[in-house]
Structures are given as structure tokens and as C-alpha cells.
Amino acid sequence: MLLFQLIRLLLRAIDLYILLITIYIVLTWLPQAQNTKLARWLQALCEPYLSYFDKIRIGMFGFSAIFGILFLQFVKLGIIQIVKFIF
């Protein structure tokens, strides 16, 4: 039972991080919100992860947030499939 609770906690943490990335991306579109404490905190939390995906560019647009969120979703699906396979 403890293992299932830990896995559930991990999946919720991934969901929370996806939500934080989404909020961070929305704040980057709002110029007046970029200098707030929340925006700086989210930048410090999200940018190290999103920087791994900065190299993936299509034209002049960066899709690091989309690729980062997709990767986290695939990790979640992988965890769920492994748990289903084992148990």
C-alpha cells in the first residue's frame, strides 16, 4: 500500500509541475506580470527544466514548454504502465 501512495504522490507532483509550467508560460505573455515575485519564483523553478528543450526550435519559435509538458505526460504514462504491468 505504501508503494501505491508513493506512486500516487509522484504522479500528483508531476501534475503540479505541469500546472506551474503552464502558469509560468501564461505569465511570460503578460509584460506587466513578468517582474512580479511569482513570475521570478516560477522562472527559477521552471527554466532549468525547460532549458533542456530550448534546443528544439521550429523556425524562429521555441516550443520548449510544449515539449517539456509532453515529456512529463509520457513519463506519467510510463509510470502508470509499469505499475499496471507489475501489479
PDB file of N, CA and C in Angstrom:
ATOM      1  N   MET A   1       0.808  -1.199   0.000  1.00  0.00           N
ATOM      2  CA  MET A   1       0.000   0.000   0.000  1.00  0.00           C
ATOM      3  C   MET A   1       0.853   1.265   0.000  1.00  0.00           C
ATOM      4  N   LEU A   2       1.950   1.235   0.718  1.00  0.00           N
ATOM      5  CA  LEU A   2       2.816   2.414   0.780  1.00  0.00           C
ATOM      6  C   LEU A   2       3.381   2.744  -0.599  1.00  0.00           C
ATOM      7  N   LEU A   3       3.696   1.702  -1.367  1.00  0.00           N
ATOM      8  CA  LEU A   3       4.221   1.917  -2.714  1.00  0.00           C
ATOM      9  C   LEU A   3       3.199   2.629  -3.592  1.00  0.00           C
ATOM     10  N   PHE A   4       1.937   2.230  -3.506  1.00  0.00           N
ATOM     11  CA  PHE A   4       0.896   2.885  -4.296  1.00  0.00           C
ATOM     12  C   PHE A   4       0.731   4.346  -3.891  1.00  0.00           C
ATOM     13  N   GLN A   5       0.845   4.624  -2.609  1.00  0.00           N
ATOM     14  CA  GLN A   5       0.734   6.009  -2.146  1.00  0.00           C
ATOM     15  C   GLN A   5       1.906   6.847  -2.648  1.00  0.00           C
ATOM     16  N   LEU A   6       3.098   6.269  -2.665  1.00  0.00           N
ATOM     17  CA  LEU A   6       4.263   6.985  -3.185  1.00  0.00           C
ATOM     18  C   LEU A   6       4.130   7.243  -4.682  1.00  0.00           C
ATOM     19  N   ILE A   7       3.631   6.258  -5.402  1.00  0.00           N
ATOM     20  CA  ILE A   7       3.430   6.437  -6.843  1.00  0.00           C
ATOM     21  C   ILE A   7       2.368   7.498  -7.096  1.00  0.00           C
ATOM     22  N   ARG A   8       1.286   7.464  -6.335  1.00  0.00           N
ATOM     23  CA  ARG A   8       0.234   8.477  -6.474  1.00  0.00           C
ATOM     24  C   ARG A   8       0.794   9.869  -6.165  1.00  0.00           C
ATOM     25  N   LEU A   9       1.635   9.966  -5.141  1.00  0.00           N
ATOM     26  CA  LEU A   9       2.265  11.242  -4.798  1.00  0.00           C
ATOM     27  C   LEU A   9       3.166  11.725  -5.933  1.00  0.00           C
ATOM     28  N   LEU A  10       3.921  10.822  -6.533  1.00  0.00           N
ATOM     29  CA  LEU A  10       4.783  11.179  -7.659  1.00  0.00           C
ATOM     30  C   LEU A  10       3.962  11.677  -8.844  1.00  0.00           C
ATOM     31  N   LEU A  11       2.864  11.007  -9.141  1.00  0.00           N
ATOM     32  CA  LEU A  11       2.007  11.431 -10.252  1.00  0.00           C
ATOM     33  C   LEU A  11       1.381  12.791  -9.976  1.00  0.00           C
ATOM     34  N   ARG A  12       0.985  13.043  -8.738  1.00  0.00           N
ATOM     35  CA  ARG A  12       0.428  14.357  -8.376  1.00  0.00           C
ATOM     36  C   ARG A  12       1.501  15.436  -8.462  1.00  0.00           C
ATOM     37  N   ALA A  13       2.733  15.109  -8.099  1.00  0.00           N
ATOM     38  CA  ALA A  13       3.827  16.081  -8.202  1.00  0.00           C
ATOM     39  C   ALA A  13       4.079  16.447  -9.663  1.00  0.00           C
ATOM     40  N   ILE A  14       4.006  15.470 -10.543  1.00  0.00           N
ATOM     41  CA  ILE A  14       4.165  15.748 -11.974  1.00  0.00           C
ATOM     42  C   ILE A  14       3.035  16.643 -12.459  1.00  0.00           C
ATOM     43  N   ASP A  15       1.802  16.352 -12.033  1.00  0.00           N
ATOM     44  CA  ASP A  15       0.661  17.202 -12.405  1.00  0.00           C
ATOM     45  C   ASP A  15       0.853  18.632 -11.908  1.00  0.00           C
ATOM     46  N   LEU A  16       1.328  18.773 -10.685  1.00  0.00           N
ATOM     47  CA  LEU A  16       1.560  20.106 -10.126  1.00  0.00           C
ATOM     48  C   LEU A  16       2.634  20.851 -10.914  1.00  0.00           C
ATOM     49  N   TYR A  17       3.694  20.156 -11.291  1.00  0.00           N
ATOM     50  CA  TYR A  17       4.764  20.798 -12.052  1.00  0.00           C
ATOM     51  C   TYR A  17       4.267  21.228 -13.435  1.00  0.00           C
ATOM     52  N   ILE A  18       3.424  20.422 -14.052  1.00  0.00           N
ATOM     53  CA  ILE A  18       2.830  20.804 -15.339  1.00  0.00           C
ATOM     54  C   ILE A  18       1.988  22.061 -15.165  1.00  0.00           C
ATOM     55  N   LEU A  19       1.233  22.132 -14.090  1.00  0.00           N
ATOM     56  CA  LEU A  19       0.430  23.323 -13.814  1.00  0.00           C
ATOM     57  C   LEU A  19       1.320  24.549 -13.609  1.00  0.00           C
ATOM     58  N   LEU A  20       2.415  24.393 -12.881  1.00  0.00           N
ATOM     59  CA  LEU A  20       3.336  25.512 -12.661  1.00  0.00           C
ATOM     60  C   LEU A  20       3.968  25.975 -13.973  1.00  0.00           C
ATOM     61  N   ILE A  21       4.327  25.048 -14.837  1.00  0.00           N
ATOM     62  CA  ILE A  21       4.875  25.414 -16.145  1.00  0.00           C
ATOM     63  C   ILE A  21       3.835  26.186 -16.950  1.00  0.00           C
ATOM     64  N   THR A  22       2.595  25.729 -16.912  1.00  0.00           N
ATOM     65  CA  THR A  22       1.524  26.405 -17.649  1.00  0.00           C
ATOM     66  C   THR A  22       1.324  27.827 -17.142  1.00  0.00           C
ATOM     67  N   ILE A  23       1.303  28.004 -15.837  1.00  0.00           N
ATOM     68  CA  ILE A  23       1.159  29.351 -15.267  1.00  0.00           C
ATOM     69  C   ILE A  23       2.349  30.217 -15.657  1.00  0.00           C
ATOM     70  N   TYR A  24       3.543  29.647 -15.618  1.00  0.00           N
ATOM     71  CA  TYR A  24       4.746  30.393 -15.992  1.00  0.00           C
ATOM     72  C   TYR A  24       4.668  30.860 -17.442  1.00  0.00           C
ATOM     73  N   ILE A  25       4.222  29.997 -18.330  1.00  0.00           N
ATOM     74  CA  ILE A  25       4.124  30.362 -19.743  1.00  0.00           C
ATOM     75  C   ILE A  25       3.104  31.475 -19.940  1.00  0.00           C
ATOM     76  N   VAL A  26       1.972  31.390 -19.264  1.00  0.00           N
ATOM     77  CA  VAL A  26       0.967  32.456 -19.379  1.00  0.00           C
ATOM     78  C   VAL A  26       1.539  33.775 -18.869  1.00  0.00           C
ATOM     79  N   LEU A  27       2.291  33.731 -17.778  1.00  0.00           N
ATOM     80  CA  LEU A  27       2.880  34.960 -17.237  1.00  0.00           C
ATOM     81  C   LEU A  27       3.928  35.559 -18.172  1.00  0.00           C
ATOM     82  N   THR A  28       4.590  34.730 -18.967  1.00  0.00           N
ATOM     83  CA  THR A  28       5.579  35.283 -19.896  1.00  0.00           C
ATOM     84  C   THR A  28       4.916  36.062 -21.020  1.00  0.00           C
ATOM     85  N   TRP A  29       3.649  35.807 -21.269  1.00  0.00           N
ATOM     86  CA  TRP A  29       2.926  36.545 -22.309  1.00  0.00           C
ATOM     87  C   TRP A  29       2.412  37.889 -21.807  1.00  0.00           C
ATOM     88  N   LEU A  30       2.419  38.097 -20.505  1.00  0.00           N
ATOM     89  CA  LEU A  30       1.912  39.337 -19.917  1.00  0.00           C
ATOM     90  C   LEU A  30       3.089  40.188 -19.451  1.00  0.00           C
ATOM     91  N   PRO A  31       3.416  41.263 -20.159  1.00  0.00           N
ATOM     92  CA  PRO A  31       4.615  42.046 -19.822  1.00  0.00           C
ATOM     93  C   PRO A  31       4.608  42.597 -18.394  1.00  0.00           C
ATOM     94  N   GLN A  32       3.468  43.049 -17.911  1.00  0.00           N
ATOM     95  CA  GLN A  32       3.437  43.634 -16.579  1.00  0.00           C
ATOM     96  C   GLN A  32       3.549  42.578 -15.477  1.00  0.00           C
ATOM     97  N   ALA A  33       3.329  41.328 -15.792  1.00  0.00           N
ATOM     98  CA  ALA A  33       3.405  40.266 -14.790  1.00  0.00           C
ATOM     99  C   ALA A  33       4.796  39.652 -14.691  1.00  0.00           C
ATOM    100  N   GLN A  34       5.688  39.983 -15.608  1.00  0.00           N
ATOM    101  CA  GLN A  34       6.999  39.336 -15.634  1.00  0.00           C
ATOM    102  C   GLN A  34       7.915  39.775 -14.503  1.00  0.00           C
ATOM    103  N   ASN A  35       7.662  40.911 -13.904  1.00  0.00           N
ATOM    104  CA  ASN A  35       8.540  41.407 -12.845  1.00  0.00           C
ATOM    105  C   ASN A  35       7.981  41.167 -11.451  1.00  0.00           C
ATOM    106  N   THR A  36       6.990  40.321 -11.329  1.00  0.00           N
ATOM    107  CA  THR A  36       6.424  40.027 -10.022  1.00  0.00           C
ATOM    108  C   THR A  36       7.235  38.934  -9.330  1.00  0.00           C
ATOM    109  N   LYS A  37       7.049  38.821  -8.028  1.00  0.00           N
ATOM    110  CA  LYS A  37       7.743  37.773  -7.278  1.00  0.00           C
ATOM    111  C   LYS A  37       7.325  36.384  -7.755  1.00  0.00           C
ATOM    112  N   LEU A  38       6.032  36.247  -8.047  1.00  0.00           N
ATOM    113  CA  LEU A  38       5.537  34.954  -8.523  1.00  0.00           C
ATOM    114  C   LEU A  38       6.215  34.554  -9.830  1.00  0.00           C
ATOM    115  N   ALA A  39       6.340  35.490 -10.750  1.00  0.00           N
ATOM    116  CA  ALA A  39       6.968  35.189 -12.039  1.00  0.00           C
ATOM    117  C   ALA A  39       8.438  34.828 -11.856  1.00  0.00           C
ATOM    118  N   ARG A  40       9.138  35.535 -10.987  1.00  0.00           N
ATOM    119  CA  ARG A  40      10.554  35.215 -10.745  1.00  0.00           C
ATOM    120  C   ARG A  40      10.702  33.848 -10.077  1.00  0.00           C
ATOM    121  N   TRP A  41       9.794  33.547  -9.150  1.00  0.00           N
ATOM    122  CA  TRP A  41       9.828  32.254  -8.473  1.00  0.00           C
ATOM    123  C   TRP A  41       9.555  31.123  -9.471  1.00  0.00           C
ATOM    124  N   LEU A  42       8.541  31.313 -10.321  1.00  0.00           N
ATOM    125  CA  LEU A  42       8.228  30.298 -11.327  1.00  0.00           C
ATOM    126  C   LEU A  42       9.355  30.147 -12.340  1.00  0.00           C
ATOM    127  N   GLN A  43      10.000  31.259 -12.681  1.00  0.00           N
ATOM    128  CA  GLN A  43      11.126  31.187 -13.609  1.00  0.00           C
ATOM    129  C   GLN A  43      12.260  30.368 -13.003  1.00  0.00           C
ATOM    130  N   ALA A  44      12.554  30.599 -11.736  1.00  0.00           N
ATOM    131  CA  ALA A  44      13.613  29.840 -11.075  1.00  0.00           C
ATOM    132  C   ALA A  44      13.260  28.359 -10.973  1.00  0.00           C
ATOM    133  N   LEU A  45      11.987  28.058 -10.900  1.00  0.00           N
ATOM    134  CA  LEU A  45      11.545  26.678 -10.764  1.00  0.00           C
ATOM    135  C   LEU A  45      11.427  25.959 -12.107  1.00  0.00           C
ATOM    136  N   CYS A  46      10.991  26.667 -13.141  1.00  0.00           N
ATOM    137  CA  CYS A  46      10.678  26.026 -14.423  1.00  0.00           C
ATOM    138  C   CYS A  46      11.802  26.116 -15.454  1.00  0.00           C
ATOM    139  N   GLU A  47      12.531  27.207 -15.478  1.00  0.00           N
ATOM    140  CA  GLU A  47      13.538  27.405 -16.530  1.00  0.00           C
ATOM    141  C   GLU A  47      14.634  26.342 -16.555  1.00  0.00           C
ATOM    142  N   PRO A  48      15.149  25.875 -15.411  1.00  0.00           N
ATOM    143  CA  PRO A  48      16.180  24.822 -15.515  1.00  0.00           C
ATOM    144  C   PRO A  48      15.686  23.580 -16.257  1.00  0.00           C
ATOM    145  N   TYR A  49      14.448  23.198 -16.036  1.00  0.00           N
ATOM    146  CA  TYR A  49      13.882  22.043 -16.739  1.00  0.00           C
ATOM    147  C   TYR A  49      13.611  22.372 -18.200  1.00  0.00           C
ATOM    148  N   LEU A  50      12.996  23.527 -18.455  1.00  0.00           N
ATOM    149  CA  LEU A  50      12.634  23.891 -19.827  1.00  0.00           C
ATOM    150  C   LEU A  50      13.862  24.164 -20.692  1.00  0.00           C
ATOM    151  N   SER A  51      14.979  24.510 -20.075  1.00  0.00           N
ATOM    152  CA  SER A  51      16.187  24.798 -20.858  1.00  0.00           C
ATOM    153  C   SER A  51      16.695  23.558 -21.597  1.00  0.00           C
ATOM    154  N   TYR A  52      16.361  22.370 -21.111  1.00  0.00           N
ATOM    155  CA  TYR A  52      16.746  21.149 -21.822  1.00  0.00           C
ATOM    156  C   TYR A  52      16.076  21.060 -23.193  1.00  0.00           C
ATOM    157  N   PHE A  53      14.922  21.686 -23.330  1.00  0.00           N
ATOM    158  CA  PHE A  53      14.152  21.604 -24.568  1.00  0.00           C
ATOM    159  C   PHE A  53      14.317  22.849 -25.437  1.00  0.00           C
ATOM    160  N   ASP A  54      15.131  23.804 -25.016  1.00  0.00           N
ATOM    161  CA  ASP A  54      15.331  25.037 -25.783  1.00  0.00           C
ATOM    162  C   ASP A  54      15.998  24.790 -27.127  1.00  0.00           C
ATOM    163  N   LYS A  55      16.730  23.719 -27.246  1.00  0.00           N
ATOM    164  CA  LYS A  55      17.443  23.435 -28.495  1.00  0.00           C
ATOM    165  C   LYS A  55      16.488  23.000 -29.606  1.00  0.00           C
ATOM    166  N   ILE A  56      15.279  22.606 -29.236  1.00  0.00           N
ATOM    167  CA  ILE A  56      14.291  22.160 -30.220  1.00  0.00           C
ATOM    168  C   ILE A  56      13.524  23.387 -30.696  1.00  0.00           C
ATOM    169  N   ARG A  57      13.838  23.846 -31.879  1.00  0.00           N
ATOM    170  CA  ARG A  57      13.182  25.030 -32.435  1.00  0.00           C
ATOM    171  C   ARG A  57      12.623  24.691 -33.811  1.00  0.00           C
ATOM    172  N   ILE A  58      11.468  25.252 -34.078  1.00  0.00           N
ATOM    173  CA  ILE A  58      10.854  25.124 -35.394  1.00  0.00           C
ATOM    174  C   ILE A  58      10.737  26.539 -35.932  1.00  0.00           C
ATOM    175  N   GLY A  59      11.570  26.864 -36.901  1.00  0.00           N
ATOM    176  CA  GLY A  59      11.618  28.242 -37.387  1.00  0.00           C
ATOM    177  C   GLY A  59      12.180  29.141 -36.303  1.00  0.00           C
ATOM    178  N   MET A  60      11.531  30.266 -36.076  1.00  0.00           N
ATOM    179  CA  MET A  60      12.016  31.178 -35.042  1.00  0.00           C
ATOM    180  C   MET A  60      11.248  31.016 -33.733  1.00  0.00           C
ATOM    181  N   PHE A  61      10.399  30.015 -33.655  1.00  0.00           N
ATOM    182  CA  PHE A  61       9.581  29.806 -32.469  1.00  0.00           C
ATOM    183  C   PHE A  61      10.180  28.717 -31.591  1.00  0.00           C
ATOM    184  N   GLY A  62      10.118  28.939 -30.289  1.00  0.00           N
ATOM    185  CA  GLY A  62      10.561  27.937 -29.337  1.00  0.00           C
ATOM    186  C   GLY A  62       9.366  27.213 -28.738  1.00  0.00           C
ATOM    187  N   PHE A  63       9.446  25.936 -28.724  1.00  0.00           N
ATOM    188  CA  PHE A  63       8.355  25.126 -28.195  1.00  0.00           C
ATOM    189  C   PHE A  63       8.809  24.337 -26.972  1.00  0.00           C
ATOM    190  N   SER A  64       9.733  24.892 -26.207  1.00  0.00           N
ATOM    191  CA  SER A  64      10.291  24.156 -25.081  1.00  0.00           C
ATOM    192  C   SER A  64       9.227  23.795 -24.054  1.00  0.00           C
ATOM    193  N   ALA A  65       8.275  24.680 -23.803  1.00  0.00           N
ATOM    194  CA  ALA A  65       7.233  24.384 -22.812  1.00  0.00           C
ATOM    195  C   ALA A  65       6.342  23.240 -23.278  1.00  0.00           C
ATOM    196  N   ILE A  66       5.988  23.244 -24.548  1.00  0.00           N
ATOM    197  CA  ILE A  66       5.132  22.175 -25.071  1.00  0.00           C
ATOM    198  C   ILE A  66       5.859  20.837 -25.008  1.00  0.00           C
ATOM    199  N   PHE A  67       7.120  20.827 -25.439  1.00  0.00           N
ATOM    200  CA  PHE A  67       7.880  19.583 -25.401  1.00  0.00           C
ATOM    201  C   PHE A  67       8.139  19.138 -23.964  1.00  0.00           C
ATOM    202  N   GLY A  68       8.375  20.088 -23.079  1.00  0.00           N
ATOM    203  CA  GLY A  68       8.577  19.754 -21.669  1.00  0.00           C
ATOM    204  C   GLY A  68       7.340  19.136 -21.046  1.00  0.00           C
ATOM    205  N   ILE A  69       6.182  19.714 -21.333  1.00  0.00           N
ATOM    206  CA  ILE A  69       4.928  19.171 -20.804  1.00  0.00           C
ATOM    207  C   ILE A  69       4.633  17.808 -21.424  1.00  0.00           C
ATOM    208  N   LEU A  70       4.850  17.668 -22.726  1.00  0.00           N
ATOM    209  CA  LEU A  70       4.643  16.362 -23.372  1.00  0.00           C
ATOM    210  C   LEU A  70       5.541  15.291 -22.766  1.00  0.00           C
ATOM    211  N   PHE A  71       6.796  15.646 -22.508  1.00  0.00           N
ATOM    212  CA  PHE A  71       7.718  14.685 -21.906  1.00  0.00           C
ATOM    213  C   PHE A  71       7.215  14.252 -20.530  1.00  0.00           C
ATOM    214  N   LEU A  72       6.757  15.212 -19.724  1.00  0.00           N
ATOM    215  CA  LEU A  72       6.236  14.859 -18.401  1.00  0.00           C
ATOM    216  C   LEU A  72       4.996  13.969 -18.507  1.00  0.00           C
ATOM    217  N   GLN A  73       4.157  14.233 -19.503  1.00  0.00           N
ATOM    218  CA  GLN A  73       2.980  13.382 -19.706  1.00  0.00           C
ATOM    219  C   GLN A  73       3.398  11.956 -20.085  1.00  0.00           C
ATOM    220  N   PHE A  74       4.419  11.827 -20.933  1.00  0.00           N
ATOM    221  CA  PHE A  74       4.908  10.496 -21.300  1.00  0.00           C
ATOM    222  C   PHE A  74       5.514   9.782 -20.093  1.00  0.00           C
ATOM    223  N   VAL A  75       6.209  10.525 -19.239  1.00  0.00           N
ATOM    224  CA  VAL A  75       6.755   9.928 -18.018  1.00  0.00           C
ATOM    225  C   VAL A  75       5.618   9.406 -17.145  1.00  0.00           C
ATOM    226  N   LYS A  76       4.568  10.211 -16.999  1.00  0.00           N
ATOM    227  CA  LYS A  76       3.404   9.770 -16.218  1.00  0.00           C
ATOM    228  C   LYS A  76       2.801   8.496 -16.797  1.00  0.00           C
ATOM    229  N   LEU A  77       2.600   8.487 -18.116  1.00  0.00           N
ATOM    230  CA  LEU A  77       2.038   7.295 -18.755  1.00  0.00           C
ATOM    231  C   LEU A  77       2.947   6.083 -18.572  1.00  0.00           C
ATOM    232  N   GLY A  78       4.249   6.305 -18.660  1.00  0.00           N
ATOM    233  CA  GLY A  78       5.193   5.214 -18.453  1.00  0.00           C
ATOM    234  C   GLY A  78       5.116   4.651 -17.047  1.00  0.00           C
ATOM    235  N   ILE A  79       5.027   5.518 -16.055  1.00  0.00           N
ATOM    236  CA  ILE A  79       4.906   5.066 -14.666  1.00  0.00           C
ATOM    237  C   ILE A  79       3.631   4.257 -14.484  1.00  0.00           C
ATOM    238  N   ILE A  80       2.535   4.752 -15.038  1.00  0.00           N
ATOM    239  CA  ILE A  80       1.252   4.053 -14.908  1.00  0.00           C
ATOM    240  C   ILE A  80       1.320   2.684 -15.579  1.00  0.00           C
ATOM    241  N   GLN A  81       1.919   2.609 -16.764  1.00  0.00           N
ATOM    242  CA  GLN A  81       2.012   1.329 -17.470  1.00  0.00           C
ATOM    243  C   GLN A  81       2.904   0.345 -16.723  1.00  0.00           C
ATOM    244  N   ILE A  82       3.991   0.826 -16.144  1.00  0.00           N
ATOM    245  CA  ILE A  82       4.876  -0.060 -15.372  1.00  0.00           C
ATOM    246  C   ILE A  82       4.146  -0.608 -14.157  1.00  0.00           C
ATOM    247  N   VAL A  83       3.408   0.248 -13.471  1.00  0.00           N
ATOM    248  CA  VAL A  83       2.655  -0.203 -12.296  1.00  0.00           C
ATOM    249  C   VAL A  83       1.591  -1.214 -12.706  1.00  0.00           C
ATOM    250  N   LYS A  84       0.896  -0.966 -13.806  1.00  0.00           N
ATOM    251  CA  LYS A  84      -0.114  -1.923 -14.279  1.00  0.00           C
ATOM    252  C   LYS A  84       0.525  -3.260 -14.651  1.00  0.00           C
ATOM    253  N   PHE A  85       1.713  -3.207 -15.255  1.00  0.00           N
ATOM    254  CA  PHE A  85       2.389  -4.431 -15.673  1.00  0.00           C
ATOM    255  C   PHE A  85       2.847  -5.249 -14.466  1.00  0.00           C
ATOM    256  N   ILE A  86       3.386  -4.566 -13.462  1.00  0.00           N
ATOM    257  CA  ILE A  86       3.920  -5.264 -12.289  1.00  0.00           C
ATOM    258  C   ILE A  86       2.798  -5.808 -11.412  1.00  0.00           C
ATOM    259  N   PHE A  87       1.761  -5.011 -11.240  1.00  0.00           N
ATOM    260  CA  PHE A  87       0.699  -5.425 -10.322  1.00  0.00           C
ATOM    261  C   PHE A  87      -0.515  -5.818 -11.113  1.00  0.00           C
TER     262      PHE A  87
END
